[in-house]
């Protein structure tokens, strides 16, 4: 057999060895429910709950979340690097996944059951402390768990499929909890004194119980469901003398990849936009559009259709036009189209609130737009997975955890700036605290949309500019696999 043939065969074996089954993909995907539930709670309910129901100043809520995220961000590269180099009989990732289940679930439950009658200062520190605990504990799960993707398959197209499962369950799992809130929990606590259960403190106490159980179950199902694949995963790098200097040198060496910088900066802007949009979502549904709790529930039900659109579309885009080109096209359509309903309302083009047309127009545009955004996220995440082999060629180390931690650093730390931005948009709009539907001045409602649209568009356009500078194509990825195969052939002496 010729050397070229040997290299070709080895390249194929690297790509095809131990391909994940559908059941493995399902188990891997289900694990994202934990982060989805936690993320939906922080993005959609936390600001509303603590500012409108608990009574903590919205700016203090935003500050607490921001401070907690910045503190927690320090743990991301540490956990990522640690999980890349851990040696155990359960592999590099699974010990972290198992250890995180109880701390994440317990702290999330306590977050939605704050003490009654505490001062603003005490509530601020309660929220701050629990936010730090939750964010740190979720790091121990999410970073190693997400880092499994490049390990489970190196195939260019299969990575989009595998990551698609994770995004599908992440979105639908978190959204299921939101649907439960609007269709089951909020109606249960709607009374004559509290016209909407959305403003009842008891609703969120029940939410904390159900969400915590879902988080614990998702983590354990994913860890146990992927446990059998441990023997097929890449081993840690060779043992070496570890010092703090060497650790940080290797982290910076790994993250110096130019293609990584493109995605990292793009994710910075994207995370701020996500925090801003998430923090104001229900302000728009409740006050701007005047939707009832049931209508809001139907809007959130639409996310299941949106997740299916993204899940199905991303592998097709990957296969036909490639990840980067697909992400650029899908992203521009999604992000430029997202504020259209708000703009039309600001220009007084839409019929009055309360008409069926307004509800269905917002519903349909939201389903399509969120579906495209999920497709975009899958493609960009899959692009990030392809960084692993490029880095391995340069450093000789597989650093899935470091790359993943860098992205979770962005998602955790910078979203806090988005939530803080949301709180300042509310302040700029002179949005009254604790106001019921119908009590907010029309001027404040109009200003909410007028400040939000240019802010969110600026962030999304900046993100797309940096995505456009990413440089790894399908051909580049396959060439990286071929070169790694040749190295392994040479090192094995064959």
Foldseek 3Di string as FASTA:
>chain_A
DDLLVLLVVLLVCQFPPQADDPLLLLLLQLLLLLVLQVVLCLLAQQLCCCFQAQNAQSLLSLVLLQVLLVVLLVCLLVLLLQLLADDDPQASQLVLLVVLQVQLLVLLLVLLVDDHPDDNVVVSVSNNVSSNSNSNSVSSNPLSSLLCLLFNGLALLVSLLSLLSNLLNSLVSNLVLVLCLLPPLFVVPDDPVRNTSSNPSVSSSVSSNVSSVSSSVSSVSSSVSCSVCNVSGDHRDDDDDDDPVVSVVVLCLLCVDPLLVLLLVLLLLVLLLSLQCSNCVVVCCCAVQNHGSVLVSLLSVLSNLLSVLLSVVQSVCCVPPRLLVLLLVLLVCLQVQVLVLLVCVLVVNDDHRPDPVNSVVNSVSSSPSSSSVSNSVSSSSSLLSLSQLVSCVVPVGRRSSSSSSSSVSSNSNSSSNNSSVNSVLLVVLVFDHNDHHPRTDPSSSSSSSVVSVVSSSVSSVVSSVSSNPNDQTSVNSSVSSSVVSSVVCVVVPD
